[in-house]
Amino acid sequence: PDTSSFAEAASLPLVLITAWGGLFD
């Protein structure tokens, strides 16, 4: 998104990766 910094945008998938890893992996 134009309103996000690179750091903010990079952090967005973190919650998904954490949830996926715990539930499925």
mmCIF file of all heavy atoms, coordinates in Angstrom:
data_MODEL
# 
_entry.id   MODEL 
# 
loop_
_atom_site.group_PDB 
_atom_site.id 
_atom_site.type_symbol 
_atom_site.label_atom_id 
_atom_site.label_alt_id 
_atom_site.label_comp_id 
_atom_site.label_asym_id 
_atom_site.label_entity_id 
_atom_site.label_seq_id 
_atom_site.pdbx_PDB_ins_code 
_atom_site.Cartn_x 
_atom_site.Cartn_y 
_atom_site.Cartn_z 
_atom_site.occupancy 
_atom_site.B_iso_or_equiv 
_atom_site.pdbx_formal_charge 
_atom_site.auth_seq_id 
_atom_site.auth_comp_id 
_atom_site.auth_asym_id 
_atom_site.auth_atom_id 
_atom_site.pdbx_PDB_model_num 
ATOM 1   N N   . PRO A 1 1  ? 0.823  -1.209  0.000  1.00 0.00 ? 1  PRO A N   1 
ATOM 2   C CA  . PRO A 1 1  ? 0.000  0.000   0.000  1.00 0.00 ? 1  PRO A CA  1 
ATOM 3   C C   . PRO A 1 1  ? 0.860  1.263   0.000  1.00 0.00 ? 1  PRO A C   1 
ATOM 4   O O   . PRO A 1 1  ? 1.921  1.305   0.635  1.00 0.00 ? 1  PRO A O   1 
ATOM 5   C CB  . PRO A 1 1  ? -0.789 -0.107  1.308  1.00 0.00 ? 1  PRO A CB  1 
ATOM 6   C CG  . PRO A 1 1  ? -0.726 -1.539  1.689  1.00 0.00 ? 1  PRO A CG  1 
ATOM 7   C CD  . PRO A 1 1  ? 0.574  -2.057  1.146  1.00 0.00 ? 1  PRO A CD  1 
ATOM 8   N N   . ASP A 1 2  ? 0.409  2.279   -0.698 1.00 0.00 ? 2  ASP A N   1 
ATOM 9   C CA  . ASP A 1 2  ? 1.148  3.550   -0.743 1.00 0.00 ? 2  ASP A CA  1 
ATOM 10  C C   . ASP A 1 2  ? 1.301  4.178   0.636  1.00 0.00 ? 2  ASP A C   1 
ATOM 11  O O   . ASP A 1 2  ? 2.243  4.927   0.875  1.00 0.00 ? 2  ASP A O   1 
ATOM 12  C CB  . ASP A 1 2  ? 0.438  4.553   -1.660 1.00 0.00 ? 2  ASP A CB  1 
ATOM 13  C CG  . ASP A 1 2  ? 0.487  4.126   -3.121 1.00 0.00 ? 2  ASP A CG  1 
ATOM 14  O OD1 . ASP A 1 2  ? 1.399  3.354   -3.489 1.00 0.00 ? 2  ASP A OD1 1 
ATOM 15  O OD2 . ASP A 1 2  ? -0.391 4.561   -3.883 1.00 0.00 ? 2  ASP A OD2 1 
ATOM 16  N N   . THR A 1 3  ? 0.395  3.881   1.537  1.00 0.00 ? 3  THR A N   1 
ATOM 17  C CA  . THR A 1 3  ? 0.424  4.476   2.876  1.00 0.00 ? 3  THR A CA  1 
ATOM 18  C C   . THR A 1 3  ? 1.331  3.736   3.850  1.00 0.00 ? 3  THR A C   1 
ATOM 19  O O   . THR A 1 3  ? 1.471  4.141   4.996  1.00 0.00 ? 3  THR A O   1 
ATOM 20  C CB  . THR A 1 3  ? -0.997 4.535   3.457  1.00 0.00 ? 3  THR A CB  1 
ATOM 21  O OG1 . THR A 1 3  ? -1.525 3.204   3.474  1.00 0.00 ? 3  THR A OG1 1 
ATOM 22  C CG2 . THR A 1 3  ? -1.885 5.446   2.623  1.00 0.00 ? 3  THR A CG2 1 
ATOM 23  N N   . SER A 1 4  ? 1.948  2.638   3.411  1.00 0.00 ? 4  SER A N   1 
ATOM 24  C CA  . SER A 1 4  ? 2.798  1.834   4.290  1.00 0.00 ? 4  SER A CA  1 
ATOM 25  C C   . SER A 1 4  ? 4.270  2.012   3.965  1.00 0.00 ? 4  SER A C   1 
ATOM 26  O O   . SER A 1 4  ? 4.652  2.163   2.808  1.00 0.00 ? 4  SER A O   1 
ATOM 27  C CB  . SER A 1 4  ? 2.466  0.348   4.146  1.00 0.00 ? 4  SER A CB  1 
ATOM 28  O OG  . SER A 1 4  ? 1.159  0.096   4.546  1.00 0.00 ? 4  SER A OG  1 
ATOM 29  N N   . SER A 1 5  ? 5.074  1.920   5.017  1.00 0.00 ? 5  SER A N   1 
ATOM 30  C CA  . SER A 1 5  ? 6.521  1.893   4.813  1.00 0.00 ? 5  SER A CA  1 
ATOM 31  C C   . SER A 1 5  ? 6.916  0.462   4.437  1.00 0.00 ? 5  SER A C   1 
ATOM 32  O O   . SER A 1 5  ? 6.128  -0.479  4.586  1.00 0.00 ? 5  SER A O   1 
ATOM 33  C CB  . SER A 1 5  ? 7.239  2.301   6.096  1.00 0.00 ? 5  SER A CB  1 
ATOM 34  O OG  . SER A 1 5  ? 7.073  1.297   7.086  1.00 0.00 ? 5  SER A OG  1 
ATOM 35  N N   . PHE A 1 6  ? 8.143  0.279   3.996  1.00 0.00 ? 6  PHE A N   1 
ATOM 36  C CA  . PHE A 1 6  ? 8.618  -1.067  3.681  1.00 0.00 ? 6  PHE A CA  1 
ATOM 37  C C   . PHE A 1 6  ? 8.581  -1.950  4.927  1.00 0.00 ? 6  PHE A C   1 
ATOM 38  O O   . PHE A 1 6  ? 8.192  -3.117  4.868  1.00 0.00 ? 6  PHE A O   1 
ATOM 39  C CB  . PHE A 1 6  ? 10.032 -1.029  3.087  1.00 0.00 ? 6  PHE A CB  1 
ATOM 40  C CG  . PHE A 1 6  ? 10.049 -0.659  1.637  1.00 0.00 ? 6  PHE A CG  1 
ATOM 41  C CD1 . PHE A 1 6  ? 10.413 0.622   1.244  1.00 0.00 ? 6  PHE A CD1 1 
ATOM 42  C CD2 . PHE A 1 6  ? 9.694  -1.568  0.659  1.00 0.00 ? 6  PHE A CD2 1 
ATOM 43  C CE1 . PHE A 1 6  ? 10.428 0.976   -0.092 1.00 0.00 ? 6  PHE A CE1 1 
ATOM 44  C CE2 . PHE A 1 6  ? 9.695  -1.235  -0.691 1.00 0.00 ? 6  PHE A CE2 1 
ATOM 45  C CZ  . PHE A 1 6  ? 10.067 0.054   -1.066 1.00 0.00 ? 6  PHE A CZ  1 
ATOM 46  N N   . ALA A 1 7  ? 8.963  -1.395  6.060  1.00 0.00 ? 7  ALA A N   1 
ATOM 47  C CA  . ALA A 1 7  ? 8.968  -2.166  7.310  1.00 0.00 ? 7  ALA A CA  1 
ATOM 48  C C   . ALA A 1 7  ? 7.552  -2.586  7.690  1.00 0.00 ? 7  ALA A C   1 
ATOM 49  O O   . ALA A 1 7  ? 7.320  -3.731  8.107  1.00 0.00 ? 7  ALA A O   1 
ATOM 50  C CB  . ALA A 1 7  ? 9.608  -1.359  8.424  1.00 0.00 ? 7  ALA A CB  1 
ATOM 51  N N   . GLU A 1 8  ? 6.592  -1.683  7.581  1.00 0.00 ? 8  GLU A N   1 
ATOM 52  C CA  . GLU A 1 8  ? 5.205  -2.015  7.906  1.00 0.00 ? 8  GLU A CA  1 
ATOM 53  C C   . GLU A 1 8  ? 4.667  -3.081  6.964  1.00 0.00 ? 8  GLU A C   1 
ATOM 54  O O   . GLU A 1 8  ? 4.032  -4.045  7.397  1.00 0.00 ? 8  GLU A O   1 
ATOM 55  C CB  . GLU A 1 8  ? 4.333  -0.761  7.839  1.00 0.00 ? 8  GLU A CB  1 
ATOM 56  C CG  . GLU A 1 8  ? 4.612  0.229   8.951  1.00 0.00 ? 8  GLU A CG  1 
ATOM 57  C CD  . GLU A 1 8  ? 3.953  1.569   8.716  1.00 0.00 ? 8  GLU A CD  1 
ATOM 58  O OE1 . GLU A 1 8  ? 3.647  1.920   7.548  1.00 0.00 ? 8  GLU A OE1 1 
ATOM 59  O OE2 . GLU A 1 8  ? 3.747  2.288   9.711  1.00 0.00 ? 8  GLU A OE2 1 
ATOM 60  N N   . ALA A 1 9  ? 4.899  -2.927  5.695  1.00 0.00 ? 9  ALA A N   1 
ATOM 61  C CA  . ALA A 1 9  ? 4.411  -3.890  4.715  1.00 0.00 ? 9  ALA A CA  1 
ATOM 62  C C   . ALA A 1 9  ? 5.051  -5.261  4.927  1.00 0.00 ? 9  ALA A C   1 
ATOM 63  O O   . ALA A 1 9  ? 4.394  -6.299  4.786  1.00 0.00 ? 9  ALA A O   1 
ATOM 64  C CB  . ALA A 1 9  ? 4.680  -3.387  3.305  1.00 0.00 ? 9  ALA A CB  1 
ATOM 65  N N   . ALA A 1 10 ? 6.324  -5.274  5.268  1.00 0.00 ? 10 ALA A N   1 
ATOM 66  C CA  . ALA A 1 10 ? 7.020  -6.543  5.494  1.00 0.00 ? 10 ALA A CA  1 
ATOM 67  C C   . ALA A 1 10 ? 6.486  -7.259  6.732  1.00 0.00 ? 10 ALA A C   1 
ATOM 68  O O   . ALA A 1 10 ? 6.532  -8.492  6.809  1.00 0.00 ? 10 ALA A O   1 
ATOM 69  C CB  . ALA A 1 10 ? 8.513  -6.296  5.632  1.00 0.00 ? 10 ALA A CB  1 
ATOM 70  N N   . SER A 1 11 ? 5.963  -6.510  7.690  1.00 0.00 ? 11 SER A N   1 
ATOM 71  C CA  . SER A 1 11 ? 5.470  -7.132  8.916  1.00 0.00 ? 11 SER A CA  1 
ATOM 72  C C   . SER A 1 11 ? 4.066  -7.721  8.758  1.00 0.00 ? 11 SER A C   1 
ATOM 73  O O   . SER A 1 11 ? 3.653  -8.556  9.563  1.00 0.00 ? 11 SER A O   1 
ATOM 74  C CB  . SER A 1 11 ? 5.479  -6.118  10.058 1.00 0.00 ? 11 SER A CB  1 
ATOM 75  O OG  . SER A 1 11 ? 4.484  -5.131  9.851  1.00 0.00 ? 11 SER A OG  1 
ATOM 76  N N   . LEU A 1 12 ? 3.328  -7.318  7.752  1.00 0.00 ? 12 LEU A N   1 
ATOM 77  C CA  . LEU A 1 12 ? 1.949  -7.767  7.598  1.00 0.00 ? 12 LEU A CA  1 
ATOM 78  C C   . LEU A 1 12 ? 1.792  -9.287  7.547  1.00 0.00 ? 12 LEU A C   1 
ATOM 79  O O   . LEU A 1 12 ? 0.900  -9.836  8.193  1.00 0.00 ? 12 LEU A O   1 
ATOM 80  C CB  . LEU A 1 12 ? 1.306  -7.111  6.375  1.00 0.00 ? 12 LEU A CB  1 
ATOM 81  C CG  . LEU A 1 12 ? 1.052  -5.602  6.500  1.00 0.00 ? 12 LEU A CG  1 
ATOM 82  C CD1 . LEU A 1 12 ? 0.512  -5.046  5.194  1.00 0.00 ? 12 LEU A CD1 1 
ATOM 83  C CD2 . LEU A 1 12 ? 0.108  -5.303  7.643  1.00 0.00 ? 12 LEU A CD2 1 
ATOM 84  N N   . PRO A 1 13 ? 2.613  -10.005 6.808  1.00 0.00 ? 13 PRO A N   1 
ATOM 85  C CA  . PRO A 1 13 ? 2.401  -11.457 6.760  1.00 0.00 ? 13 PRO A CA  1 
ATOM 86  C C   . PRO A 1 13 ? 2.865  -12.193 8.022  1.00 0.00 ? 13 PRO A C   1 
ATOM 87  O O   . PRO A 1 13 ? 2.617  -13.387 8.146  1.00 0.00 ? 13 PRO A O   1 
ATOM 88  C CB  . PRO A 1 13 ? 3.206  -11.907 5.541  1.00 0.00 ? 13 PRO A CB  1 
ATOM 89  C CG  . PRO A 1 13 ? 4.140  -10.816 5.227  1.00 0.00 ? 13 PRO A CG  1 
ATOM 90  C CD  . PRO A 1 13 ? 3.587  -9.555  5.820  1.00 0.00 ? 13 PRO A CD  1 
ATOM 91  N N   . LEU A 1 14 ? 3.494  -11.504 8.953  1.00 0.00 ? 14 LEU A N   1 
ATOM 92  C CA  . LEU A 1 14 ? 4.034  -12.171 10.143 1.00 0.00 ? 14 LEU A CA  1 
ATOM 93  C C   . LEU A 1 14 ? 2.958  -12.912 10.925 1.00 0.00 ? 14 LEU A C   1 
ATOM 94  O O   . LEU A 1 14 ? 3.153  -14.051 11.338 1.00 0.00 ? 14 LEU A O   1 
ATOM 95  C CB  . LEU A 1 14 ? 4.751  -11.162 11.039 1.00 0.00 ? 14 LEU A CB  1 
ATOM 96  C CG  . LEU A 1 14 ? 5.380  -11.739 12.299 1.00 0.00 ? 14 LEU A CG  1 
ATOM 97  C CD1 . LEU A 1 14 ? 6.431  -12.776 11.948 1.00 0.00 ? 14 LEU A CD1 1 
ATOM 98  C CD2 . LEU A 1 14 ? 5.980  -10.624 13.130 1.00 0.00 ? 14 LEU A CD2 1 
ATOM 99  N N   . VAL A 1 15 ? 1.797  -12.299 11.149 1.00 0.00 ? 15 VAL A N   1 
ATOM 100 C CA  . VAL A 1 15 ? 0.754  -12.968 11.923 1.00 0.00 ? 15 VAL A CA  1 
ATOM 101 C C   . VAL A 1 15 ? 0.234  -14.200 11.186 1.00 0.00 ? 15 VAL A C   1 
ATOM 102 O O   . VAL A 1 15 ? -0.019 -15.236 11.804 1.00 0.00 ? 15 VAL A O   1 
ATOM 103 C CB  . VAL A 1 15 ? -0.401 -12.027 12.311 1.00 0.00 ? 15 VAL A CB  1 
ATOM 104 C CG1 . VAL A 1 15 ? 0.059  -10.962 13.265 1.00 0.00 ? 15 VAL A CG1 1 
ATOM 105 C CG2 . VAL A 1 15 ? -1.064 -11.415 11.107 1.00 0.00 ? 15 VAL A CG2 1 
ATOM 106 N N   . LEU A 1 16 ? 0.102  -14.108 9.885  1.00 0.00 ? 16 LEU A N   1 
ATOM 107 C CA  . LEU A 1 16 ? -0.355 -15.253 9.107  1.00 0.00 ? 16 LEU A CA  1 
ATOM 108 C C   . LEU A 1 16 ? 0.656  -16.399 9.176  1.00 0.00 ? 16 LEU A C   1 
ATOM 109 O O   . LEU A 1 16 ? 0.288  -17.558 9.395  1.00 0.00 ? 16 LEU A O   1 
ATOM 110 C CB  . LEU A 1 16 ? -0.603 -14.865 7.648  1.00 0.00 ? 16 LEU A CB  1 
ATOM 111 C CG  . LEU A 1 16 ? -1.047 -16.027 6.773  1.00 0.00 ? 16 LEU A CG  1 
ATOM 112 C CD1 . LEU A 1 16 ? -2.519 -16.300 6.981  1.00 0.00 ? 16 LEU A CD1 1 
ATOM 113 C CD2 . LEU A 1 16 ? -0.753 -15.764 5.335  1.00 0.00 ? 16 LEU A CD2 1 
ATOM 114 N N   . ILE A 1 17 ? 1.917  -16.079 9.008  1.00 0.00 ? 17 ILE A N   1 
ATOM 115 C CA  . ILE A 1 17 ? 2.964  -17.104 9.065  1.00 0.00 ? 17 ILE A CA  1 
ATOM 116 C C   . ILE A 1 17 ? 2.994  -17.760 10.438 1.00 0.00 ? 17 ILE A C   1 
ATOM 117 O O   . ILE A 1 17 ? 3.124  -18.981 10.564 1.00 0.00 ? 17 ILE A O   1 
ATOM 118 C CB  . ILE A 1 17 ? 4.334  -16.490 8.706  1.00 0.00 ? 17 ILE A CB  1 
ATOM 119 C CG1 . ILE A 1 17 ? 4.345  -16.075 7.235  1.00 0.00 ? 17 ILE A CG1 1 
ATOM 120 C CG2 . ILE A 1 17 ? 5.466  -17.458 9.019  1.00 0.00 ? 17 ILE A CG2 1 
ATOM 121 C CD1 . ILE A 1 17 ? 5.515  -15.171 6.867  1.00 0.00 ? 17 ILE A CD1 1 
ATOM 122 N N   . THR A 1 18 ? 2.857  -16.962 11.497 1.00 0.00 ? 18 THR A N   1 
ATOM 123 C CA  . THR A 1 18 ? 2.865  -17.492 12.862 1.00 0.00 ? 18 THR A CA  1 
ATOM 124 C C   . THR A 1 18 ? 1.662  -18.405 13.094 1.00 0.00 ? 18 THR A C   1 
ATOM 125 O O   . THR A 1 18 ? 1.803  -19.511 13.635 1.00 0.00 ? 18 THR A O   1 
ATOM 126 C CB  . THR A 1 18 ? 2.861  -16.345 13.879 1.00 0.00 ? 18 THR A CB  1 
ATOM 127 O OG1 . THR A 1 18 ? 3.998  -15.515 13.642 1.00 0.00 ? 18 THR A OG1 1 
ATOM 128 C CG2 . THR A 1 18 ? 2.889  -16.861 15.301 1.00 0.00 ? 18 THR A CG2 1 
ATOM 129 N N   . ALA A 1 19 ? 0.481  -17.967 12.699 1.00 0.00 ? 19 ALA A N   1 
ATOM 130 C CA  . ALA A 1 19 ? -0.724 -18.775 12.883 1.00 0.00 ? 19 ALA A CA  1 
ATOM 131 C C   . ALA A 1 19 ? -0.639 -20.067 12.077 1.00 0.00 ? 19 ALA A C   1 
ATOM 132 O O   . ALA A 1 19 ? -0.946 -21.153 12.578 1.00 0.00 ? 19 ALA A O   1 
ATOM 133 C CB  . ALA A 1 19 ? -1.966 -17.971 12.494 1.00 0.00 ? 19 ALA A CB  1 
ATOM 134 N N   . TRP A 1 20 ? -0.232 -19.962 10.823 1.00 0.00 ? 20 TRP A N   1 
ATOM 135 C CA  . TRP A 1 20 ? -0.116 -21.147 9.958  1.00 0.00 ? 20 TRP A CA  1 
ATOM 136 C C   . TRP A 1 20 ? 0.875  -22.155 10.556 1.00 0.00 ? 20 TRP A C   1 
ATOM 137 O O   . TRP A 1 20 ? 0.582  -23.352 10.634 1.00 0.00 ? 20 TRP A O   1 
ATOM 138 C CB  . TRP A 1 20 ? 0.337  -20.734 8.560  1.00 0.00 ? 20 TRP A CB  1 
ATOM 139 C CG  . TRP A 1 20 ? 0.370  -21.887 7.604  1.00 0.00 ? 20 TRP A CG  1 
ATOM 140 C CD1 . TRP A 1 20 ? 1.358  -22.823 7.464  1.00 0.00 ? 20 TRP A CD1 1 
ATOM 141 C CD2 . TRP A 1 20 ? -0.651 -22.243 6.682  1.00 0.00 ? 20 TRP A CD2 1 
ATOM 142 N NE1 . TRP A 1 20 ? 1.016  -23.729 6.502  1.00 0.00 ? 20 TRP A NE1 1 
ATOM 143 C CE2 . TRP A 1 20 ? -0.214 -23.395 5.999  1.00 0.00 ? 20 TRP A CE2 1 
ATOM 144 C CE3 . TRP A 1 20 ? -1.880 -21.689 6.350  1.00 0.00 ? 20 TRP A CE3 1 
ATOM 145 C CZ2 . TRP A 1 20 ? -0.978 -24.013 5.024  1.00 0.00 ? 20 TRP A CZ2 1 
ATOM 146 C CZ3 . TRP A 1 20 ? -2.636 -22.307 5.360  1.00 0.00 ? 20 TRP A CZ3 1 
ATOM 147 C CH2 . TRP A 1 20 ? -2.178 -23.450 4.718  1.00 0.00 ? 20 TRP A CH2 1 
ATOM 148 N N   . GLY A 1 21 ? 2.028  -21.664 10.952 1.00 0.00 ? 21 GLY A N   1 
ATOM 149 C CA  . GLY A 1 21 ? 3.044  -22.552 11.500 1.00 0.00 ? 21 GLY A CA  1 
ATOM 150 C C   . GLY A 1 21 ? 2.561  -23.299 12.730 1.00 0.00 ? 21 GLY A C   1 
ATOM 151 O O   . GLY A 1 21 ? 2.791  -24.501 12.883 1.00 0.00 ? 21 GLY A O   1 
ATOM 152 N N   . GLY A 1 22 ? 1.887  -22.576 13.630 1.00 0.00 ? 22 GLY A N   1 
ATOM 153 C CA  . GLY A 1 22 ? 1.403  -23.214 14.851 1.00 0.00 ? 22 GLY A CA  1 
ATOM 154 C C   . GLY A 1 22 ? 0.274  -24.200 14.617 1.00 0.00 ? 22 GLY A C   1 
ATOM 155 O O   . GLY A 1 22 ? 0.257  -25.286 15.199 1.00 0.00 ? 22 GLY A O   1 
ATOM 156 N N   . LEU A 1 23 ? -0.657 -23.831 13.779 1.00 0.00 ? 23 LEU A N   1 
ATOM 157 C CA  . LEU A 1 23 ? -1.819 -24.693 13.540 1.00 0.00 ? 23 LEU A CA  1 
ATOM 158 C C   . LEU A 1 23 ? -1.502 -25.897 12.667 1.00 0.00 ? 23 LEU A C   1 
ATOM 159 O O   . LEU A 1 23 ? -1.936 -27.019 12.956 1.00 0.00 ? 23 LEU A O   1 
ATOM 160 C CB  . LEU A 1 23 ? -2.941 -23.897 12.862 1.00 0.00 ? 23 LEU A CB  1 
ATOM 161 C CG  . LEU A 1 23 ? -3.644 -22.841 13.690 1.00 0.00 ? 23 LEU A CG  1 
ATOM 162 C CD1 . LEU A 1 23 ? -4.597 -22.038 12.816 1.00 0.00 ? 23 LEU A CD1 1 
ATOM 163 C CD2 . LEU A 1 23 ? -4.383 -23.464 14.862 1.00 0.00 ? 23 LEU A CD2 1 
ATOM 164 N N   . PHE A 1 24 ? -0.762 -25.672 11.595 1.00 0.00 ? 24 PHE A N   1 
ATOM 165 C CA  . PHE A 1 24 ? -0.607 -26.722 10.587 1.00 0.00 ? 24 PHE A CA  1 
ATOM 166 C C   . PHE A 1 24 ? 0.784  -27.356 10.556 1.00 0.00 ? 24 PHE A C   1 
ATOM 167 O O   . PHE A 1 24 ? 0.897  -28.581 10.533 1.00 0.00 ? 24 PHE A O   1 
ATOM 168 C CB  . PHE A 1 24 ? -0.979 -26.178 9.206  1.00 0.00 ? 24 PHE A CB  1 
ATOM 169 C CG  . PHE A 1 24 ? -2.352 -25.567 9.179  1.00 0.00 ? 24 PHE A CG  1 
ATOM 170 C CD1 . PHE A 1 24 ? -2.531 -24.263 8.788  1.00 0.00 ? 24 PHE A CD1 1 
ATOM 171 C CD2 . PHE A 1 24 ? -3.464 -26.291 9.576  1.00 0.00 ? 24 PHE A CD2 1 
ATOM 172 C CE1 . PHE A 1 24 ? -3.793 -23.691 8.768  1.00 0.00 ? 24 PHE A CE1 1 
ATOM 173 C CE2 . PHE A 1 24 ? -4.737 -25.730 9.572  1.00 0.00 ? 24 PHE A CE2 1 
ATOM 174 C CZ  . PHE A 1 24 ? -4.894 -24.419 9.158  1.00 0.00 ? 24 PHE A CZ  1 
ATOM 175 N N   . ASP A 1 25 ? 1.830  -26.556 10.548 1.00 0.00 ? 25 ASP A N   1 
ATOM 176 C CA  . ASP A 1 25 ? 3.178  -27.122 10.474 1.00 0.00 ? 25 ASP A CA  1 
ATOM 177 C C   . ASP A 1 25 ? 3.540  -27.867 11.758 1.00 0.00 ? 25 ASP A C   1 
ATOM 178 O O   . ASP A 1 25 ? 4.065  -28.975 11.705 1.00 0.00 ? 25 ASP A O   1 
ATOM 179 C CB  . ASP A 1 25 ? 4.220  -26.037 10.193 1.00 0.00 ? 25 ASP A CB  1 
ATOM 180 C CG  . ASP A 1 25 ? 4.050  -25.409 8.818  1.00 0.00 ? 25 ASP A CG  1 
ATOM 181 O OD1 . ASP A 1 25 ? 3.405  -26.018 7.943  1.00 0.00 ? 25 ASP A OD1 1 
ATOM 182 O OD2 . ASP A 1 25 ? 4.553  -24.276 8.621  1.00 0.00 ? 25 ASP A OD2 1 
# 
